[in-house]
Amino acid sequence: MSPARDLAALLAATTLAGCIILPAGDEGVSDQAIVSIVLGETTRAETEARLGSPLFEWRTARVLVYAGGAEAHLFWIAAGPGAIAAGDVALGDHVVLIEYDEDGRIVRIGRAPRPAIAAGYREIIESWRADPLAEPTP
């Protein structure tokens, strides 16, 4: 599903259930922050200290996934008879992929389209890692 369809489905479902939707913004990872990472020198720990916690980490592939550019979120709370649910939907258009080696040093940085759901990160990471000419980050 595309982010627009995710949003439409969420709005339809929450309108019927009765809920609260709160839009929130986040700058995501800026190009300036990415340029400050020195390949082969900057460590994973230093990267997380600068950029915060990643959206996703695939530990066996040693790849961190961050929101790229301006990022929008919708936080929602829905209530029905005897039940309540809450969640967060990210609406950004791309992610920043940061690969680190066995010593924890950053070895590669790139961008990829954001998958519609978190389960899609593995496919995006595998495709990106298999292509040595994947789009480099400035």
N, C-alpha and C. Protein backbone atom coordinates (compact mmCIF):
# COMPACT_ATOMS: atom_id res chain seq x y z
N MET A 1 0.83 -1.17 0.00
CA MET A 1 0.00 0.00 0.00
C MET A 1 0.88 1.25 0.00
N SER A 2 0.49 2.27 -0.69
CA SER A 2 1.24 3.52 -0.72
C SER A 2 0.96 4.31 0.55
N PRO A 3 1.84 5.28 0.91
CA PRO A 3 1.56 6.09 2.09
C PRO A 3 0.22 6.82 1.98
N ALA A 4 -0.16 7.27 0.78
CA ALA A 4 -1.44 7.96 0.62
C ALA A 4 -2.60 7.01 0.91
N ARG A 5 -2.50 5.78 0.43
CA ARG A 5 -3.58 4.80 0.70
C ARG A 5 -3.59 4.43 2.17
N ASP A 6 -2.37 4.30 2.79
CA ASP A 6 -2.31 4.02 4.23
C ASP A 6 -3.05 5.10 5.00
N LEU A 7 -2.79 6.35 4.62
CA LEU A 7 -3.42 7.48 5.30
C LEU A 7 -4.93 7.46 5.08
N ALA A 8 -5.38 7.21 3.85
CA ALA A 8 -6.81 7.16 3.56
C ALA A 8 -7.50 6.05 4.36
N ALA A 9 -6.86 4.89 4.41
CA ALA A 9 -7.44 3.77 5.17
C ALA A 9 -7.49 4.09 6.66
N LEU A 10 -6.42 4.72 7.16
CA LEU A 10 -6.39 5.09 8.57
C LEU A 10 -7.47 6.10 8.89
N LEU A 11 -7.61 7.12 8.05
CA LEU A 11 -8.63 8.14 8.29
C LEU A 11 -10.05 7.56 8.24
N ALA A 12 -10.29 6.68 7.27
CA ALA A 12 -11.61 6.05 7.17
C ALA A 12 -11.91 5.20 8.40
N ALA A 13 -10.95 4.39 8.79
CA ALA A 13 -11.17 3.49 9.93
C ALA A 13 -11.34 4.27 11.23
N THR A 14 -10.52 5.31 11.41
CA THR A 14 -10.62 6.05 12.65
C THR A 14 -11.86 6.93 12.72
N THR A 15 -12.33 7.40 11.59
CA THR A 15 -13.56 8.19 11.58
C THR A 15 -14.74 7.32 12.01
N LEU A 16 -14.76 6.10 11.53
CA LEU A 16 -15.85 5.20 11.88
C LEU A 16 -15.77 4.75 13.33
N ALA A 17 -14.56 4.58 13.86
CA ALA A 17 -14.39 4.08 15.22
C ALA A 17 -14.50 5.19 16.26
N GLY A 18 -14.25 6.42 15.88
CA GLY A 18 -14.22 7.51 16.84
C GLY A 18 -12.84 7.60 17.46
N CYS A 19 -12.06 8.61 17.08
CA CYS A 19 -10.70 8.65 17.58
C CYS A 19 -10.14 10.06 17.51
N ILE A 20 -8.87 10.16 17.89
CA ILE A 20 -8.13 11.41 17.82
C ILE A 20 -6.92 11.17 16.92
N ILE A 21 -6.66 12.10 15.98
CA ILE A 21 -5.47 12.03 15.13
C ILE A 21 -4.67 13.30 15.36
N LEU A 22 -3.38 13.13 15.68
CA LEU A 22 -2.52 14.27 15.95
C LEU A 22 -1.36 14.29 14.95
N PRO A 23 -1.32 15.27 14.04
CA PRO A 23 -0.17 15.34 13.13
C PRO A 23 1.05 15.85 13.88
N ALA A 24 2.22 15.34 13.50
CA ALA A 24 3.48 15.78 14.10
C ALA A 24 4.55 15.76 13.04
N GLY A 25 5.54 16.60 13.16
CA GLY A 25 6.61 16.67 12.18
C GLY A 25 7.94 16.29 12.78
N ASP A 26 8.87 15.92 11.93
CA ASP A 26 10.21 15.56 12.33
C ASP A 26 11.10 15.87 11.14
N GLU A 27 12.23 16.45 11.37
CA GLU A 27 13.10 16.82 10.27
C GLU A 27 13.76 15.62 9.60
N GLY A 28 13.79 14.47 10.23
CA GLY A 28 14.49 13.33 9.66
C GLY A 28 15.98 13.61 9.65
N VAL A 29 16.73 12.84 8.89
CA VAL A 29 18.18 12.99 8.81
C VAL A 29 18.50 14.01 7.73
N SER A 30 19.19 15.07 8.10
CA SER A 30 19.54 16.12 7.13
C SER A 30 20.79 15.72 6.35
N ASP A 31 20.95 16.33 5.17
CA ASP A 31 22.16 16.10 4.38
C ASP A 31 23.39 16.56 5.16
N GLN A 32 23.26 17.62 5.94
CA GLN A 32 24.38 18.13 6.73
C GLN A 32 24.84 17.09 7.76
N ALA A 33 23.90 16.41 8.39
CA ALA A 33 24.25 15.38 9.37
C ALA A 33 24.93 14.20 8.69
N ILE A 34 24.47 13.86 7.49
CA ILE A 34 25.06 12.73 6.77
C ILE A 34 26.49 13.06 6.34
N VAL A 35 26.71 14.28 5.86
CA VAL A 35 28.04 14.69 5.40
C VAL A 35 29.05 14.64 6.55
N SER A 36 28.59 14.80 7.79
CA SER A 36 29.50 14.77 8.93
C SER A 36 30.01 13.37 9.25
N ILE A 37 29.42 12.35 8.64
CA ILE A 37 29.85 10.96 8.86
C ILE A 37 31.02 10.67 7.93
N VAL A 38 32.14 10.24 8.48
CA VAL A 38 33.33 9.92 7.70
C VAL A 38 33.42 8.41 7.54
N LEU A 39 33.27 7.94 6.29
CA LEU A 39 33.32 6.50 6.04
C LEU A 39 34.64 5.92 6.51
N GLY A 40 34.55 4.78 7.20
CA GLY A 40 35.74 4.10 7.71
C GLY A 40 36.25 4.64 9.03
N GLU A 41 35.72 5.78 9.47
CA GLU A 41 36.16 6.38 10.73
C GLU A 41 35.04 6.52 11.75
N THR A 42 33.91 7.12 11.32
CA THR A 42 32.80 7.33 12.24
C THR A 42 32.23 5.97 12.65
N THR A 43 31.95 5.82 13.93
CA THR A 43 31.41 4.55 14.43
C THR A 43 29.90 4.56 14.48
N ARG A 44 29.35 3.38 14.62
CA ARG A 44 27.89 3.22 14.75
C ARG A 44 27.40 3.99 15.97
N ALA A 45 28.12 3.89 17.09
CA ALA A 45 27.73 4.58 18.33
C ALA A 45 27.74 6.10 18.13
N GLU A 46 28.77 6.62 17.45
CA GLU A 46 28.83 8.06 17.17
C GLU A 46 27.67 8.48 16.27
N THR A 47 27.36 7.63 15.29
CA THR A 47 26.26 7.93 14.37
C THR A 47 24.94 8.00 15.11
N GLU A 48 24.69 7.04 15.99
CA GLU A 48 23.44 7.06 16.76
C GLU A 48 23.40 8.24 17.72
N ALA A 49 24.56 8.64 18.26
CA ALA A 49 24.59 9.80 19.14
C ALA A 49 24.22 11.07 18.36
N ARG A 50 24.64 11.16 17.11
CA ARG A 50 24.34 12.34 16.27
C ARG A 50 22.92 12.32 15.72
N LEU A 51 22.48 11.15 15.27
CA LEU A 51 21.21 11.06 14.54
C LEU A 51 20.05 10.54 15.38
N GLY A 52 20.34 9.99 16.55
CA GLY A 52 19.29 9.40 17.37
C GLY A 52 19.06 7.93 17.01
N SER A 53 18.02 7.37 17.56
CA SER A 53 17.70 5.96 17.30
C SER A 53 17.18 5.78 15.89
N PRO A 54 17.59 4.71 15.21
CA PRO A 54 17.08 4.47 13.85
C PRO A 54 15.63 4.00 13.88
N LEU A 55 14.96 4.13 12.72
CA LEU A 55 13.62 3.58 12.56
C LEU A 55 13.66 2.06 12.64
N PHE A 56 14.73 1.50 12.12
CA PHE A 56 14.86 0.05 11.98
C PHE A 56 16.34 -0.30 11.96
N GLU A 57 16.71 -1.44 12.50
CA GLU A 57 18.08 -1.94 12.39
C GLU A 57 18.03 -3.41 12.02
N TRP A 58 18.77 -3.76 10.98
CA TRP A 58 18.92 -5.17 10.61
C TRP A 58 20.32 -5.56 11.07
N ARG A 59 20.40 -6.19 12.21
CA ARG A 59 21.70 -6.47 12.83
C ARG A 59 22.55 -7.45 12.04
N THR A 60 21.97 -8.49 11.45
CA THR A 60 22.80 -9.45 10.71
C THR A 60 23.41 -8.83 9.46
N ALA A 61 22.75 -7.84 8.87
CA ALA A 61 23.29 -7.15 7.70
C ALA A 61 24.08 -5.91 8.13
N ARG A 62 24.00 -5.55 9.41
CA ARG A 62 24.67 -4.37 9.96
C ARG A 62 24.27 -3.10 9.22
N VAL A 63 22.95 -2.88 9.13
CA VAL A 63 22.42 -1.69 8.46
C VAL A 63 21.42 -0.99 9.39
N LEU A 64 21.61 0.34 9.52
CA LEU A 64 20.67 1.20 10.25
C LEU A 64 19.80 1.91 9.23
N VAL A 65 18.53 2.08 9.54
CA VAL A 65 17.60 2.76 8.64
C VAL A 65 17.04 3.98 9.37
N TYR A 66 17.22 5.15 8.75
CA TYR A 66 16.71 6.41 9.30
C TYR A 66 15.73 7.05 8.32
N ALA A 67 14.83 7.87 8.86
CA ALA A 67 13.94 8.66 8.02
C ALA A 67 14.80 9.71 7.32
N GLY A 68 14.57 9.91 6.04
CA GLY A 68 15.33 10.90 5.29
C GLY A 68 14.51 12.13 5.01
N GLY A 69 15.12 13.29 5.13
CA GLY A 69 14.44 14.54 4.82
C GLY A 69 13.30 14.81 5.78
N ALA A 70 12.41 15.71 5.36
CA ALA A 70 11.27 16.06 6.20
C ALA A 70 10.37 14.85 6.36
N GLU A 71 9.98 14.59 7.54
CA GLU A 71 9.20 13.40 7.87
C GLU A 71 7.92 13.84 8.56
N ALA A 72 6.82 13.26 8.20
CA ALA A 72 5.55 13.55 8.86
C ALA A 72 5.04 12.28 9.52
N HIS A 73 4.42 12.43 10.65
CA HIS A 73 3.83 11.31 11.38
C HIS A 73 2.40 11.66 11.75
N LEU A 74 1.58 10.67 11.82
CA LEU A 74 0.25 10.81 12.40
C LEU A 74 0.18 9.86 13.59
N PHE A 75 -0.07 10.41 14.76
CA PHE A 75 -0.29 9.60 15.94
C PHE A 75 -1.80 9.48 16.10
N TRP A 76 -2.28 8.27 16.33
CA TRP A 76 -3.72 8.10 16.42
C TRP A 76 -4.10 7.27 17.64
N ILE A 77 -5.29 7.55 18.14
CA ILE A 77 -5.88 6.79 19.25
C ILE A 77 -7.32 6.52 18.87
N ALA A 78 -7.72 5.27 18.90
CA ALA A 78 -9.10 4.90 18.56
C ALA A 78 -9.71 4.12 19.72
N ALA A 79 -10.99 4.37 19.95
CA ALA A 79 -11.68 3.68 21.03
C ALA A 79 -13.01 3.15 20.53
N GLY A 80 -13.35 2.00 21.02
CA GLY A 80 -14.63 1.39 20.71
C GLY A 80 -15.17 0.76 21.98
N PRO A 81 -16.28 0.07 21.90
CA PRO A 81 -16.84 -0.57 23.10
C PRO A 81 -15.85 -1.57 23.70
N GLY A 82 -15.32 -1.25 24.88
CA GLY A 82 -14.43 -2.16 25.59
C GLY A 82 -13.04 -2.29 25.01
N ALA A 83 -12.62 -1.42 24.10
CA ALA A 83 -11.30 -1.55 23.51
C ALA A 83 -10.72 -0.18 23.17
N ILE A 84 -9.40 -0.10 23.20
CA ILE A 84 -8.70 1.11 22.79
C ILE A 84 -7.42 0.70 22.08
N ALA A 85 -7.06 1.45 21.05
CA ALA A 85 -5.83 1.15 20.31
C ALA A 85 -5.14 2.47 19.96
N ALA A 86 -3.82 2.41 19.77
CA ALA A 86 -3.06 3.60 19.40
C ALA A 86 -1.94 3.19 18.46
N GLY A 87 -1.45 4.14 17.68
CA GLY A 87 -0.36 3.83 16.77
C GLY A 87 0.24 5.08 16.16
N ASP A 88 1.21 4.86 15.29
CA ASP A 88 1.96 5.92 14.63
C ASP A 88 2.15 5.51 13.18
N VAL A 89 1.83 6.39 12.24
CA VAL A 89 2.03 6.13 10.82
C VAL A 89 3.04 7.15 10.30
N ALA A 90 4.17 6.67 9.76
CA ALA A 90 5.18 7.55 9.17
C ALA A 90 4.82 7.79 7.70
N LEU A 91 4.96 9.04 7.25
CA LEU A 91 4.53 9.39 5.90
C LEU A 91 5.66 9.90 5.00
N GLY A 92 6.92 9.77 5.38
CA GLY A 92 8.04 10.25 4.57
C GLY A 92 8.19 9.47 3.28
N ASP A 93 8.98 10.00 2.33
CA ASP A 93 9.10 9.36 1.03
C ASP A 93 10.35 8.53 0.83
N HIS A 94 11.38 8.70 1.68
CA HIS A 94 12.58 7.89 1.52
C HIS A 94 13.24 7.63 2.87
N VAL A 95 14.17 6.69 2.87
CA VAL A 95 14.94 6.37 4.07
C VAL A 95 16.42 6.52 3.75
N VAL A 96 17.22 6.71 4.79
CA VAL A 96 18.67 6.75 4.69
C VAL A 96 19.18 5.44 5.27
N LEU A 97 19.98 4.73 4.49
CA LEU A 97 20.55 3.44 4.90
C LEU A 97 22.02 3.65 5.26
N ILE A 98 22.42 3.18 6.42
CA ILE A 98 23.80 3.34 6.88
C ILE A 98 24.33 1.97 7.27
N GLU A 99 25.35 1.51 6.54
CA GLU A 99 25.93 0.19 6.78
C GLU A 99 27.22 0.33 7.58
N TYR A 100 27.40 -0.56 8.55
CA TYR A 100 28.62 -0.54 9.35
C TYR A 100 29.29 -1.91 9.29
N ASP A 101 30.62 -1.94 9.50
CA ASP A 101 31.37 -3.20 9.42
C ASP A 101 31.39 -3.91 10.77
N GLU A 102 32.11 -5.02 10.83
CA GLU A 102 32.15 -5.83 12.05
C GLU A 102 32.81 -5.10 13.22
N ASP A 103 33.59 -4.05 12.93
CA ASP A 103 34.20 -3.24 13.98
C ASP A 103 33.32 -2.05 14.38
N GLY A 104 32.15 -1.91 13.74
CA GLY A 104 31.23 -0.83 14.07
C GLY A 104 31.53 0.47 13.35
N ARG A 105 32.39 0.45 12.34
CA ARG A 105 32.72 1.65 11.57
C ARG A 105 31.76 1.77 10.38
N ILE A 106 31.31 2.99 10.08
CA ILE A 106 30.40 3.22 8.96
C ILE A 106 31.17 3.03 7.66
N VAL A 107 30.62 2.18 6.76
CA VAL A 107 31.30 1.90 5.49
C VAL A 107 30.51 2.33 4.26
N ARG A 108 29.23 2.62 4.43
CA ARG A 108 28.41 2.99 3.27
C ARG A 108 27.17 3.73 3.73
N ILE A 109 26.76 4.72 2.94
CA ILE A 109 25.55 5.47 3.20
C ILE A 109 24.81 5.64 1.89
N GLY A 110 23.50 5.50 1.90
CA GLY A 110 22.71 5.69 0.69
C GLY A 110 21.26 5.98 1.02
N ARG A 111 20.48 6.16 -0.04
CA ARG A 111 19.05 6.44 0.10
C ARG A 111 18.26 5.37 -0.64
N ALA A 112 17.03 5.16 -0.19
CA ALA A 112 16.12 4.23 -0.86
C ALA A 112 14.69 4.71 -0.60
N PRO A 113 13.76 4.36 -1.49
CA PRO A 113 12.35 4.72 -1.25
C PRO A 113 11.86 4.05 0.03
N ARG A 114 11.00 4.73 0.77
CA ARG A 114 10.44 4.14 1.99
C ARG A 114 9.46 3.04 1.61
N PRO A 115 9.60 1.86 2.22
CA PRO A 115 8.61 0.81 1.96
C PRO A 115 7.29 1.17 2.61
N ALA A 116 6.21 0.61 2.10
CA ALA A 116 4.88 0.89 2.63
C ALA A 116 4.72 0.39 4.06
N ILE A 117 5.38 -0.72 4.39
CA ILE A 117 5.30 -1.27 5.74
C ILE A 117 6.69 -1.68 6.21
N ALA A 118 6.89 -1.80 7.51
CA ALA A 118 8.21 -2.12 8.07
C ALA A 118 8.77 -3.44 7.54
N ALA A 119 7.92 -4.41 7.22
CA ALA A 119 8.39 -5.69 6.71
C ALA A 119 9.15 -5.52 5.40
N GLY A 120 8.92 -4.40 4.69
CA GLY A 120 9.59 -4.15 3.43
C GLY A 120 11.02 -3.67 3.56
N TYR A 121 11.49 -3.33 4.76
CA TYR A 121 12.86 -2.84 4.92
C TYR A 121 13.89 -3.88 4.49
N ARG A 122 13.65 -5.14 4.81
CA ARG A 122 14.63 -6.17 4.47
C ARG A 122 14.85 -6.22 2.95
N GLU A 123 13.79 -6.20 2.16
CA GLU A 123 13.90 -6.24 0.71
C GLU A 123 14.65 -5.02 0.17
N ILE A 124 14.35 -3.84 0.71
CA ILE A 124 15.03 -2.61 0.28
C ILE A 124 16.52 -2.68 0.61
N ILE A 125 16.85 -3.15 1.82
CA ILE A 125 18.25 -3.24 2.24
C ILE A 125 19.00 -4.25 1.36
N GLU A 126 18.41 -5.42 1.10
CA GLU A 126 19.08 -6.42 0.27
C GLU A 126 19.33 -5.88 -1.13
N SER A 127 18.37 -5.19 -1.71
CA SER A 127 18.53 -4.61 -3.05
C SER A 127 19.63 -3.55 -3.05
N TRP A 128 19.65 -2.71 -2.05
CA TRP A 128 20.64 -1.64 -1.94
C TRP A 128 22.05 -2.22 -1.76
N ARG A 129 22.18 -3.23 -0.91
CA ARG A 129 23.50 -3.83 -0.66
C ARG A 129 24.02 -4.57 -1.88
N ALA A 130 23.14 -5.11 -2.70
CA ALA A 130 23.55 -5.86 -3.88
C ALA A 130 24.00 -4.97 -5.03
N ASP A 131 23.66 -3.69 -4.97
CA ASP A 131 23.98 -2.75 -6.07
C ASP A 131 25.10 -1.82 -5.65
N PRO A 132 26.34 -2.05 -6.12
CA PRO A 132 27.45 -1.19 -5.72
C PRO A 132 27.32 0.22 -6.27
N LEU A 133 26.42 0.43 -7.24
CA LEU A 133 26.22 1.75 -7.82
C LEU A 133 24.98 2.45 -7.29
N ALA A 134 24.45 1.93 -6.15
CA ALA A 134 23.26 2.56 -5.57
C ALA A 134 23.57 4.02 -5.27
N GLU A 135 22.52 4.83 -5.31
CA GLU A 135 22.68 6.28 -5.16
C GLU A 135 23.49 6.63 -3.92
N PRO A 136 24.64 7.31 -4.09
CA PRO A 136 25.41 7.73 -2.91
C PRO A 136 24.77 8.95 -2.28
N THR A 137 25.05 9.15 -1.04
CA THR A 137 24.56 10.32 -0.34
C THR A 137 25.59 11.44 -0.52
N PRO A 138 25.15 12.68 -0.67
CA PRO A 138 26.11 13.79 -0.88
C PRO A 138 27.11 13.91 0.24
